[in-house]
């Protein structure tokens, strides 16, 4: 889907996943097969949410260096120490930024 021109200075060729679903789910005048589908519509909305949220989490996981996570080194050390004291194996620690909607830090 082509991206409509906006006032922003950065130009995009494509829309984001969130913009695409916002366009698809918007209510317009006239008949909408999507909105009239009952439980299939609900499943579509849930699938769209899960895909968008998974995409956002994947971006955060892959771009930890760009998100300045090194400032949280003390937090990472504390979590690693606590896990080793409780004999737990630690995987890759990923810190979500406070701007991530739905996280306890954003509340």
PDB file of N, CA and C in Angstrom:
ATOM      1  N   UNK A   1       0.848  -1.165   0.000  1.00  0.00           N
ATOM      2  CA  UNK A   1       0.000   0.000   0.000  1.00  0.00           C
ATOM      3  C   UNK A   1       0.899   1.236   0.000  1.00  0.00           C
ATOM      4  N   UNK A   2       0.621   2.143  -0.880  1.00  0.00           N
ATOM      5  CA  UNK A   2       1.413   3.361  -0.975  1.00  0.00           C
ATOM      6  C   UNK A   2       1.086   4.291   0.185  1.00  0.00           C
ATOM      7  N   UNK A   3       2.078   5.025   0.599  1.00  0.00           N
ATOM      8  CA  UNK A   3       1.942   5.945   1.722  1.00  0.00           C
ATOM      9  C   UNK A   3       1.512   7.307   1.207  1.00  0.00           C
ATOM     10  N   UNK A   4       0.477   7.881   1.810  1.00  0.00           N
ATOM     11  CA  UNK A   4       0.026   9.221   1.430  1.00  0.00           C
ATOM     12  C   UNK A   4       0.996  10.247   2.006  1.00  0.00           C
ATOM     13  N   UNK A   5       1.158  11.341   1.312  1.00  0.00           N
ATOM     14  CA  UNK A   5       2.061  12.392   1.766  1.00  0.00           C
ATOM     15  C   UNK A   5       1.546  13.005   3.061  1.00  0.00           C
ATOM     16  N   UNK A   6       2.444  13.235   3.990  1.00  0.00           N
ATOM     17  CA  UNK A   6       2.112  13.894   5.244  1.00  0.00           C
ATOM     18  C   UNK A   6       3.007  15.105   5.398  1.00  0.00           C
ATOM     19  N   UNK A   7       2.873  15.799   6.510  1.00  0.00           N
ATOM     20  CA  UNK A   7       3.668  16.994   6.753  1.00  0.00           C
ATOM     21  C   UNK A   7       5.065  16.670   7.248  1.00  0.00           C
ATOM     22  N   UNK A   8       5.333  15.450   7.551  1.00  0.00           N
ATOM     23  CA  UNK A   8       6.647  15.069   8.065  1.00  0.00           C
ATOM     24  C   UNK A   8       7.722  15.279   7.012  1.00  0.00           C
ATOM     25  N   UNK A   9       8.928  15.493   7.510  1.00  0.00           N
ATOM     26  CA  UNK A   9      10.037  15.704   6.577  1.00  0.00           C
ATOM     27  C   UNK A   9      10.581  14.377   6.053  1.00  0.00           C
ATOM     28  N   UNK A  10      10.487  13.314   6.851  1.00  0.00           N
ATOM     29  CA  UNK A  10      10.979  12.004   6.407  1.00  0.00           C
ATOM     30  C   UNK A  10       9.962  11.389   5.456  1.00  0.00           C
ATOM     31  N   UNK A  11      10.430  10.942   4.323  1.00  0.00           N
ATOM     32  CA  UNK A  11       9.525  10.360   3.330  1.00  0.00           C
ATOM     33  C   UNK A  11       9.552   8.850   3.449  1.00  0.00           C
ATOM     34  N   UNK A  12       8.381   8.271   3.398  1.00  0.00           N
ATOM     35  CA  UNK A  12       8.237   6.824   3.408  1.00  0.00           C
ATOM     36  C   UNK A  12       7.586   6.392   2.115  1.00  0.00           C
ATOM     37  N   UNK A  13       7.974   5.207   1.665  1.00  0.00           N
ATOM     38  CA  UNK A  13       7.339   4.654   0.479  1.00  0.00           C
ATOM     39  C   UNK A  13       6.160   3.767   0.847  1.00  0.00           C
ATOM     40  N   UNK A  14       6.168   3.231   2.048  1.00  0.00           N
ATOM     41  CA  UNK A  14       5.137   2.299   2.464  1.00  0.00           C
ATOM     42  C   UNK A  14       4.549   2.713   3.802  1.00  0.00           C
ATOM     43  N   UNK A  15       3.355   2.190   4.075  1.00  0.00           N
ATOM     44  CA  UNK A  15       2.718   2.473   5.356  1.00  0.00           C
ATOM     45  C   UNK A  15       3.195   1.464   6.389  1.00  0.00           C
ATOM     46  N   UNK A  16       3.065   1.818   7.654  1.00  0.00           N
ATOM     47  CA  UNK A  16       3.416   0.886   8.720  1.00  0.00           C
ATOM     48  C   UNK A  16       2.276  -0.112   8.896  1.00  0.00           C
ATOM     49  N   UNK A  17       2.560  -1.169   9.627  1.00  0.00           N
ATOM     50  CA  UNK A  17       1.549  -2.187   9.874  1.00  0.00           C
ATOM     51  C   UNK A  17       0.382  -1.604  10.662  1.00  0.00           C
ATOM     52  N   UNK A  18       0.669  -0.758  11.622  1.00  0.00           N
ATOM     53  CA  UNK A  18      -0.376  -0.132  12.423  1.00  0.00           C
ATOM     54  C   UNK A  18      -1.255   0.788  11.571  1.00  0.00           C
ATOM     55  N   UNK A  19      -0.646   1.550  10.669  1.00  0.00           N
ATOM     56  CA  UNK A  19      -1.417   2.422   9.774  1.00  0.00           C
ATOM     57  C   UNK A  19      -2.309   1.607   8.842  1.00  0.00           C
ATOM     58  N   UNK A  20      -1.803   0.472   8.369  1.00  0.00           N
ATOM     59  CA  UNK A  20      -2.587  -0.377   7.473  1.00  0.00           C
ATOM     60  C   UNK A  20      -3.838  -0.891   8.188  1.00  0.00           C
ATOM     61  N   UNK A  21      -3.669  -1.418   9.395  1.00  0.00           N
ATOM     62  CA  UNK A  21      -4.820  -1.951  10.121  1.00  0.00           C
ATOM     63  C   UNK A  21      -5.761  -0.845  10.562  1.00  0.00           C
ATOM     64  N   UNK A  22      -5.250   0.331  10.882  1.00  0.00           N
ATOM     65  CA  UNK A  22      -6.119   1.455  11.229  1.00  0.00           C
ATOM     66  C   UNK A  22      -6.980   1.846  10.031  1.00  0.00           C
ATOM     67  N   UNK A  23      -6.401   1.802   8.844  1.00  0.00           N
ATOM     68  CA  UNK A  23      -7.158   2.112   7.630  1.00  0.00           C
ATOM     69  C   UNK A  23      -8.217   1.046   7.376  1.00  0.00           C
ATOM     70  N   UNK A  24      -7.837  -0.227   7.512  1.00  0.00           N
ATOM     71  CA  UNK A  24      -8.766  -1.329   7.249  1.00  0.00           C
ATOM     72  C   UNK A  24      -9.916  -1.364   8.259  1.00  0.00           C
ATOM     73  N   UNK A  25      -9.663  -0.992   9.500  1.00  0.00           N
ATOM     74  CA  UNK A  25     -10.674  -1.101  10.538  1.00  0.00           C
ATOM     75  C   UNK A  25     -11.517   0.160  10.706  1.00  0.00           C
ATOM     76  N   UNK A  26     -11.194   1.222   9.989  1.00  0.00           N
ATOM     77  CA  UNK A  26     -11.967   2.452  10.144  1.00  0.00           C
ATOM     78  C   UNK A  26     -13.385   2.258   9.604  1.00  0.00           C
ATOM     79  N   UNK A  27     -14.328   2.874  10.279  1.00  0.00           N
ATOM     80  CA  UNK A  27     -15.736   2.758   9.916  1.00  0.00           C
ATOM     81  C   UNK A  27     -16.058   3.835   8.891  1.00  0.00           C
ATOM     82  N   UNK A  28     -16.641   3.416   7.790  1.00  0.00           N
ATOM     83  CA  UNK A  28     -17.030   4.341   6.729  1.00  0.00           C
ATOM     84  C   UNK A  28     -18.521   4.192   6.460  1.00  0.00           C
ATOM     85  N   UNK A  29     -19.074   5.120   5.710  1.00  0.00           N
ATOM     86  CA  UNK A  29     -20.496   5.013   5.364  1.00  0.00           C
ATOM     87  C   UNK A  29     -20.678   3.891   4.348  1.00  0.00           C
ATOM     88  N   UNK A  30     -21.809   3.250   4.403  1.00  0.00           N
ATOM     89  CA  UNK A  30     -22.087   2.150   3.486  1.00  0.00           C
ATOM     90  C   UNK A  30     -21.827   0.807   4.143  1.00  0.00           C
ATOM     91  N   UNK A  31     -21.985  -0.230   3.353  1.00  0.00           N
ATOM     92  CA  UNK A  31     -21.840  -1.602   3.845  1.00  0.00           C
ATOM     93  C   UNK A  31     -20.371  -2.000   3.906  1.00  0.00           C
ATOM     94  N   UNK A  32     -19.993  -2.649   4.982  1.00  0.00           N
ATOM     95  CA  UNK A  32     -18.635  -3.142   5.142  1.00  0.00           C
ATOM     96  C   UNK A  32     -18.698  -4.634   5.427  1.00  0.00           C
ATOM     97  N   UNK A  33     -18.178  -5.426   4.509  1.00  0.00           N
ATOM     98  CA  UNK A  33     -18.174  -6.870   4.697  1.00  0.00           C
ATOM     99  C   UNK A  33     -17.338  -7.257   5.903  1.00  0.00           C
ATOM    100  N   UNK A  34     -16.233  -6.546   6.111  1.00  0.00           N
ATOM    101  CA  UNK A  34     -15.356  -6.846   7.235  1.00  0.00           C
ATOM    102  C   UNK A  34     -16.070  -6.637   8.575  1.00  0.00           C
ATOM    103  N   UNK A  35     -16.751  -5.516   8.731  1.00  0.00           N
ATOM    104  CA  UNK A  35     -17.426  -5.210   9.984  1.00  0.00           C
ATOM    105  C   UNK A  35     -18.694  -6.032  10.187  1.00  0.00           C
ATOM    106  N   UNK A  36     -19.207  -6.624   9.140  1.00  0.00           N
ATOM    107  CA  UNK A  36     -20.436  -7.419   9.232  1.00  0.00           C
ATOM    108  C   UNK A  36     -20.165  -8.905   9.382  1.00  0.00           C
ATOM    109  N   UNK A  37     -18.935  -9.277   9.643  1.00  0.00           N
ATOM    110  CA  UNK A  37     -18.563 -10.691   9.660  1.00  0.00           C
ATOM    111  C   UNK A  37     -18.678 -11.346  11.025  1.00  0.00           C
ATOM    112  N   UNK A  38     -19.106 -10.637  12.039  1.00  0.00           N
ATOM    113  CA  UNK A  38     -19.334 -11.232  13.356  1.00  0.00           C
ATOM    114  C   UNK A  38     -18.050 -11.704  14.021  1.00  0.00           C
ATOM    115  N   UNK A  39     -18.022 -12.999  14.347  1.00  0.00           N
ATOM    116  CA  UNK A  39     -16.869 -13.546  15.062  1.00  0.00           C
ATOM    117  C   UNK A  39     -15.618 -13.584  14.201  1.00  0.00           C
ATOM    118  N   UNK A  40     -15.755 -13.660  12.892  1.00  0.00           N
ATOM    119  CA  UNK A  40     -14.582 -13.595  12.013  1.00  0.00           C
ATOM    120  C   UNK A  40     -13.932 -12.220  12.095  1.00  0.00           C
ATOM    121  N   UNK A  41     -14.743 -11.171  12.238  1.00  0.00           N
ATOM    122  CA  UNK A  41     -14.209  -9.825  12.409  1.00  0.00           C
ATOM    123  C   UNK A  41     -13.433  -9.729  13.719  1.00  0.00           C
ATOM    124  N   UNK A  42     -13.981 -10.313  14.779  1.00  0.00           N
ATOM    125  CA  UNK A  42     -13.283 -10.304  16.061  1.00  0.00           C
ATOM    126  C   UNK A  42     -11.951 -11.039  15.965  1.00  0.00           C
ATOM    127  N   UNK A  43     -11.941 -12.169  15.256  1.00  0.00           N
ATOM    128  CA  UNK A  43     -10.700 -12.919  15.086  1.00  0.00           C
ATOM    129  C   UNK A  43      -9.690 -12.109  14.271  1.00  0.00           C
ATOM    130  N   UNK A  44     -10.161 -11.389  13.267  1.00  0.00           N
ATOM    131  CA  UNK A  44      -9.291 -10.543  12.448  1.00  0.00           C
ATOM    132  C   UNK A  44      -8.646  -9.449  13.300  1.00  0.00           C
ATOM    133  N   UNK A  45      -9.438  -8.833  14.174  1.00  0.00           N
ATOM    134  CA  UNK A  45      -8.920  -7.767  15.035  1.00  0.00           C
ATOM    135  C   UNK A  45      -7.884  -8.325  15.996  1.00  0.00           C
ATOM    136  N   UNK A  46      -8.147  -9.491  16.575  1.00  0.00           N
ATOM    137  CA  UNK A  46      -7.194 -10.092  17.506  1.00  0.00           C
ATOM    138  C   UNK A  46      -5.906 -10.461  16.776  1.00  0.00           C
ATOM    139  N   UNK A  47      -6.021 -11.049  15.592  1.00  0.00           N
ATOM    140  CA  UNK A  47      -4.832 -11.405  14.818  1.00  0.00           C
ATOM    141  C   UNK A  47      -4.022 -10.169  14.435  1.00  0.00           C
ATOM    142  N   UNK A  48      -4.713  -9.096  14.054  1.00  0.00           N
ATOM    143  CA  UNK A  48      -4.030  -7.857  13.701  1.00  0.00           C
ATOM    144  C   UNK A  48      -3.280  -7.298  14.902  1.00  0.00           C
ATOM    145  N   UNK A  49      -3.911  -7.349  16.072  1.00  0.00           N
ATOM    146  CA  UNK A  49      -3.269  -6.851  17.286  1.00  0.00           C
ATOM    147  C   UNK A  49      -2.029  -7.671  17.624  1.00  0.00           C
ATOM    148  N   UNK A  50      -2.156  -8.994  17.558  1.00  0.00           N
ATOM    149  CA  UNK A  50      -1.033  -9.860  17.916  1.00  0.00           C
ATOM    150  C   UNK A  50       0.123  -9.671  16.941  1.00  0.00           C
ATOM    151  N   UNK A  51      -0.176  -9.548  15.652  1.00  0.00           N
ATOM    152  CA  UNK A  51       0.889  -9.337  14.673  1.00  0.00           C
ATOM    153  C   UNK A  51       1.585  -7.995  14.882  1.00  0.00           C
ATOM    154  N   UNK A  52       0.826  -6.958  15.151  1.00  0.00           N
ATOM    155  CA  UNK A  52       1.412  -5.634  15.349  1.00  0.00           C
ATOM    156  C   UNK A  52       2.241  -5.594  16.630  1.00  0.00           C
ATOM    157  N   UNK A  53       1.712  -6.170  17.701  1.00  0.00           N
ATOM    158  CA  UNK A  53       2.432  -6.175  18.967  1.00  0.00           C
ATOM    159  C   UNK A  53       3.702  -7.024  18.868  1.00  0.00           C
ATOM    160  N   UNK A  54       3.616  -8.167  18.177  1.00  0.00           N
ATOM    161  CA  UNK A  54       4.794  -9.005  17.975  1.00  0.00           C
ATOM    162  C   UNK A  54       5.857  -8.306  17.159  1.00  0.00           C
ATOM    163  N   UNK A  55       5.424  -7.541  16.174  1.00  0.00           N
ATOM    164  CA  UNK A  55       6.354  -6.782  15.355  1.00  0.00           C
ATOM    165  C   UNK A  55       7.064  -5.711  16.180  1.00  0.00           C
ATOM    166  N   UNK A  56       6.330  -5.032  17.048  1.00  0.00           N
ATOM    167  CA  UNK A  56       6.928  -4.008  17.907  1.00  0.00           C
ATOM    168  C   UNK A  56       7.926  -4.620  18.883  1.00  0.00           C
ATOM    169  N   UNK A  57       7.561  -5.757  19.484  1.00  0.00           N
ATOM    170  CA  UNK A  57       8.461  -6.418  20.423  1.00  0.00           C
ATOM    171  C   UNK A  57       9.713  -6.945  19.723  1.00  0.00           C
ATOM    172  N   UNK A  58       9.543  -7.452  18.508  1.00  0.00           N
ATOM    173  CA  UNK A  58      10.686  -7.935  17.742  1.00  0.00           C
ATOM    174  C   UNK A  58      11.642  -6.796  17.405  1.00  0.00           C
ATOM    175  N   UNK A  59      11.107  -5.633  17.074  1.00  0.00           N
ATOM    176  CA  UNK A  59      11.947  -4.466  16.799  1.00  0.00           C
ATOM    177  C   UNK A  59      12.766  -4.092  18.038  1.00  0.00           C
ATOM    178  N   UNK A  60      12.107  -4.091  19.199  1.00  0.00           N
ATOM    179  CA  UNK A  60      12.810  -3.751  20.439  1.00  0.00           C
ATOM    180  C   UNK A  60      13.892  -4.767  20.741  1.00  0.00           C
ATOM    181  N   UNK A  61      13.591  -6.047  20.524  1.00  0.00           N
ATOM    182  CA  UNK A  61      14.575  -7.099  20.808  1.00  0.00           C
ATOM    183  C   UNK A  61      15.786  -6.986  19.901  1.00  0.00           C
ATOM    184  N   UNK A  62      15.584  -6.643  18.644  1.00  0.00           N
ATOM    185  CA  UNK A  62      16.681  -6.593  17.686  1.00  0.00           C
ATOM    186  C   UNK A  62      17.457  -5.279  17.700  1.00  0.00           C
ATOM    187  N   UNK A  63      16.905  -4.249  18.314  1.00  0.00           N
ATOM    188  CA  UNK A  63      17.536  -2.933  18.298  1.00  0.00           C
ATOM    189  C   UNK A  63      17.846  -2.424  19.700  1.00  0.00           C
ATOM    190  N   UNK A  64      18.322  -3.277  20.558  1.00  0.00           N
ATOM    191  CA  UNK A  64      18.646  -2.879  21.923  1.00  0.00           C
ATOM    192  C   UNK A  64      19.767  -1.839  21.955  1.00  0.00           C
ATOM    193  N   UNK A  65      20.743  -1.948  21.066  1.00  0.00           N
ATOM    194  CA  UNK A  65      21.848  -0.978  21.059  1.00  0.00           C
ATOM    195  C   UNK A  65      21.363   0.408  20.662  1.00  0.00           C
ATOM    196  N   UNK A  66      20.446   0.472  19.707  1.00  0.00           N
ATOM    197  CA  UNK A  66      19.928   1.763  19.263  1.00  0.00           C
ATOM    198  C   UNK A  66      19.025   2.413  20.310  1.00  0.00           C
ATOM    199  N   UNK A  67      18.453   1.607  21.202  1.00  0.00           N
ATOM    200  CA  UNK A  67      17.538   2.124  22.219  1.00  0.00           C
ATOM    201  C   UNK A  67      18.255   2.514  23.508  1.00  0.00           C
ATOM    202  N   UNK A  68      19.575   2.536  23.491  1.00  0.00           N
ATOM    203  CA  UNK A  68      20.428   2.972  24.605  1.00  0.00           C
ATOM    204  C   UNK A  68      20.201   2.149  25.870  1.00  0.00           C
ATOM    205  N   UNK A  69      20.178   0.852  25.703  1.00  0.00           N
ATOM    206  CA  UNK A  69      19.966  -0.039  26.840  1.00  0.00           C
ATOM    207  C   UNK A  69      21.202  -0.113  27.717  1.00  0.00           C
ATOM    208  N   UNK A  70      22.342   0.310  27.210  1.00  0.00           N
ATOM    209  CA  UNK A  70      23.558   0.246  28.026  1.00  0.00           C
ATOM    210  C   UNK A  70      23.450   1.104  29.280  1.00  0.00           C
ATOM    211  N   UNK A  71      22.519   2.080  29.282  1.00  0.00           N
ATOM    212  CA  UNK A  71      22.319   2.892  30.478  1.00  0.00           C
ATOM    213  C   UNK A  71      21.678   2.079  31.601  1.00  0.00           C
ATOM    214  N   UNK A  72      21.095   0.933  31.275  1.00  0.00           N
ATOM    215  CA  UNK A  72      20.453   0.076  32.263  1.00  0.00           C
ATOM    216  C   UNK A  72      21.359  -1.071  32.686  1.00  0.00           C
ATOM    217  N   UNK A  73      22.650  -0.902  32.555  1.00  0.00           N
ATOM    218  CA  UNK A  73      23.608  -1.968  32.870  1.00  0.00           C
ATOM    219  C   UNK A  73      23.472  -2.419  34.322  1.00  0.00           C
ATOM    220  N   UNK A  74      23.232  -1.510  35.249  1.00  0.00           N
ATOM    221  CA  UNK A  74      23.052  -1.866  36.655  1.00  0.00           C
ATOM    222  C   UNK A  74      21.846  -2.769  36.858  1.00  0.00           C
ATOM    223  N   UNK A  75      20.772  -2.497  36.120  1.00  0.00           N
ATOM    224  CA  UNK A  75      19.583  -3.336  36.198  1.00  0.00           C
ATOM    225  C   UNK A  75      19.873  -4.736  35.669  1.00  0.00           C
ATOM    226  N   UNK A  76      20.589  -4.816  34.563  1.00  0.00           N
ATOM    227  CA  UNK A  76      20.946  -6.118  33.998  1.00  0.00           C
ATOM    228  C   UNK A  76      21.837  -6.906  34.962  1.00  0.00           C
ATOM    229  N   UNK A  77      22.782  -6.222  35.593  1.00  0.00           N
ATOM    230  CA  UNK A  77      23.650  -6.893  36.565  1.00  0.00           C
ATOM    231  C   UNK A  77      22.852  -7.406  37.766  1.00  0.00           C
ATOM    232  N   UNK A  78      21.907  -6.622  38.240  1.00  0.00           N
ATOM    233  CA  UNK A  78      21.092  -7.038  39.383  1.00  0.00           C
ATOM    234  C   UNK A  78      20.235  -8.252  39.031  1.00  0.00           C
ATOM    235  N   UNK A  79      19.664  -8.260  37.845  1.00  0.00           N
ATOM    236  CA  UNK A  79      18.846  -9.400  37.431  1.00  0.00           C
ATOM    237  C   UNK A  79      19.686 -10.654  37.257  1.00  0.00           C
ATOM    238  N   UNK A  80      20.866 -10.502  36.704  1.00  0.00           N
ATOM    239  CA  UNK A  80      21.764 -11.650  36.521  1.00  0.00           C
ATOM    240  C   UNK A  80      22.216 -12.205  37.874  1.00  0.00           C
ATOM    241  N   UNK A  81      22.548 -11.335  38.814  1.00  0.00           N
ATOM    242  CA  UNK A  81      22.965 -11.764  40.149  1.00  0.00           C
ATOM    243  C   UNK A  81      21.836 -12.477  40.875  1.00  0.00           C
ATOM    244  N   UNK A  82      20.639 -11.926  40.788  1.00  0.00           N
ATOM    245  CA  UNK A  82      19.491 -12.552  41.449  1.00  0.00           C
ATOM    246  C   UNK A  82      19.199 -13.928  40.859  1.00  0.00           C
ATOM    247  N   UNK A  83      19.309 -14.048  39.549  1.00  0.00           N
ATOM    248  CA  UNK A  83      19.071 -15.341  38.908  1.00  0.00           C
ATOM    249  C   UNK A  83      20.134 -16.354  39.312  1.00  0.00           C
ATOM    250  N   UNK A  84      21.388 -15.932  39.408  1.00  0.00           N
ATOM    251  CA  UNK A  84      22.448 -16.870  39.792  1.00  0.00           C
ATOM    252  C   UNK A  84      22.320 -17.278  41.255  1.00  0.00           C
ATOM    253  N   UNK A  85      21.837 -16.389  42.107  1.00  0.00           N
ATOM    254  CA  UNK A  85      21.618 -16.735  43.517  1.00  0.00           C
ATOM    255  C   UNK A  85      20.499 -17.765  43.680  1.00  0.00           C
ATOM    256  N   UNK A  86      19.524 -17.738  42.780  1.00  0.00           N
ATOM    257  CA  UNK A  86      18.398 -18.676  42.836  1.00  0.00           C
ATOM    258  C   UNK A  86      18.606 -19.880  41.929  1.00  0.00           C
ATOM    259  N   UNK A  87      19.817 -20.054  41.407  1.00  0.00           N
ATOM    260  CA  UNK A  87      20.167 -21.162  40.514  1.00  0.00           C
ATOM    261  C   UNK A  87      19.258 -21.241  39.286  1.00  0.00           C
ATOM    262  N   UNK A  88      19.014 -20.105  38.673  1.00  0.00           N
ATOM    263  CA  UNK A  88      18.208 -20.028  37.455  1.00  0.00           C
ATOM    264  C   UNK A  88      19.099 -19.719  36.264  1.00  0.00           C
ATOM    265  N   UNK A  89      18.753 -20.292  35.148  1.00  0.00           N
ATOM    266  CA  UNK A  89      19.478 -19.972  33.914  1.00  0.00           C
ATOM    267  C   UNK A  89      18.908 -18.696  33.323  1.00  0.00           C
ATOM    268  N   UNK A  90      19.772 -17.829  32.867  1.00  0.00           N
ATOM    269  CA  UNK A  90      19.348 -16.555  32.297  1.00  0.00           C
ATOM    270  C   UNK A  90      19.498 -16.624  30.792  1.00  0.00           C
ATOM    271  N   UNK A  91      18.459 -16.256  30.101  1.00  0.00           N
ATOM    272  CA  UNK A  91      18.524 -16.155  28.654  1.00  0.00           C
ATOM    273  C   UNK A  91      18.974 -14.760  28.273  1.00  0.00           C
ATOM    274  N   UNK A  92      18.621 -14.338  27.088  1.00  0.00           N
ATOM    275  CA  UNK A  92      18.962 -12.985  26.658  1.00  0.00           C
ATOM    276  C   UNK A  92      17.985 -12.010  27.305  1.00  0.00           C
ATOM    277  N   UNK A  93      18.507 -11.066  28.060  1.00  0.00           N
ATOM    278  CA  UNK A  93      17.661 -10.078  28.715  1.00  0.00           C
ATOM    279  C   UNK A  93      17.348  -8.956  27.734  1.00  0.00           C
ATOM    280  N   UNK A  94      16.075  -8.629  27.636  1.00  0.00           N
ATOM    281  CA  UNK A  94      15.624  -7.559  26.755  1.00  0.00           C
ATOM    282  C   UNK A  94      14.875  -6.554  27.609  1.00  0.00           C
ATOM    283  N   UNK A  95      15.283  -5.317  27.531  1.00  0.00           N
ATOM    284  CA  UNK A  95      14.644  -4.255  28.292  1.00  0.00           C
ATOM    285  C   UNK A  95      13.743  -3.456  27.362  1.00  0.00           C
ATOM    286  N   UNK A  96      12.478  -3.380  27.734  1.00  0.00           N
ATOM    287  CA  UNK A  96      11.534  -2.582  26.952  1.00  0.00           C
ATOM    288  C   UNK A  96      11.622  -1.134  27.405  1.00  0.00           C
ATOM    289  N   UNK A  97      11.581  -0.195  26.490  1.00  0.00           N
ATOM    290  CA  UNK A  97      11.633   1.212  26.887  1.00  0.00           C
ATOM    291  C   UNK A  97      10.343   1.612  27.607  1.00  0.00           C
ATOM    292  N   UNK A  98      10.404   2.670  28.363  1.00  0.00           N
ATOM    293  CA  UNK A  98       9.223   3.121  29.092  1.00  0.00           C
ATOM    294  C   UNK A  98       8.134   3.617  28.154  1.00  0.00           C
ATOM    295  N   UNK A  99       8.490   3.905  26.925  1.00  0.00           N
ATOM    296  CA  UNK A  99       7.498   4.370  25.962  1.00  0.00           C
ATOM    297  C   UNK A  99       6.683   3.223  25.368  1.00  0.00           C
ATOM    298  N   UNK A 100       7.029   1.976  25.679  1.00  0.00           N
ATOM    299  CA  UNK A 100       6.295   0.834  25.152  1.00  0.00           C
ATOM    300  C   UNK A 100       4.921   0.786  25.804  1.00  0.00           C
ATOM    301  N   UNK A 101       3.873   0.945  25.000  1.00  0.00           N
ATOM    302  CA  UNK A 101       2.526   1.008  25.543  1.00  0.00           C
ATOM    303  C   UNK A 101       2.099  -0.347  26.081  1.00  0.00           C
ATOM    304  N   UNK A 102       1.489  -0.333  27.254  1.00  0.00           N
ATOM    305  CA  UNK A 102       1.012  -1.548  27.866  1.00  0.00           C
ATOM    306  C   UNK A 102       1.975  -2.118  28.901  1.00  0.00           C
ATOM    307  N   UNK A 103       3.179  -1.579  28.971  1.00  0.00           N
ATOM    308  CA  UNK A 103       4.128  -2.077  29.961  1.00  0.00           C
ATOM    309  C   UNK A 103       3.871  -1.373  31.293  1.00  0.00           C
ATOM    310  N   UNK A 104       4.259  -2.015  32.390  1.00  0.00           N
ATOM    311  CA  UNK A 104       4.050  -1.367  33.695  1.00  0.00           C
ATOM    312  C   UNK A 104       4.787  -0.037  33.818  1.00  0.00           C
ATOM    313  N   UNK A 105       5.914   0.117  33.121  1.00  0.00           N
ATOM    314  CA  UNK A 105       6.679   1.354  33.209  1.00  0.00           C
ATOM    315  C   UNK A 105       5.951   2.518  32.540  1.00  0.00           C
ATOM    316  N   UNK A 106       5.104   2.252  31.544  1.00  0.00           N
ATOM    317  CA  UNK A 106       4.410   3.338  30.858  1.00  0.00           C
ATOM    318  C   UNK A 106       3.177   3.773  31.621  1.00  0.00           C
ATOM    319  N   UNK A 107       2.722   2.949  32.572  1.00  0.00           N
ATOM    320  CA  UNK A 107       1.545   3.307  33.339  1.00  0.00           C
ATOM    321  C   UNK A 107       1.938   4.317  34.361  1.00  0.00           C
TER     322      UNK A 107
END
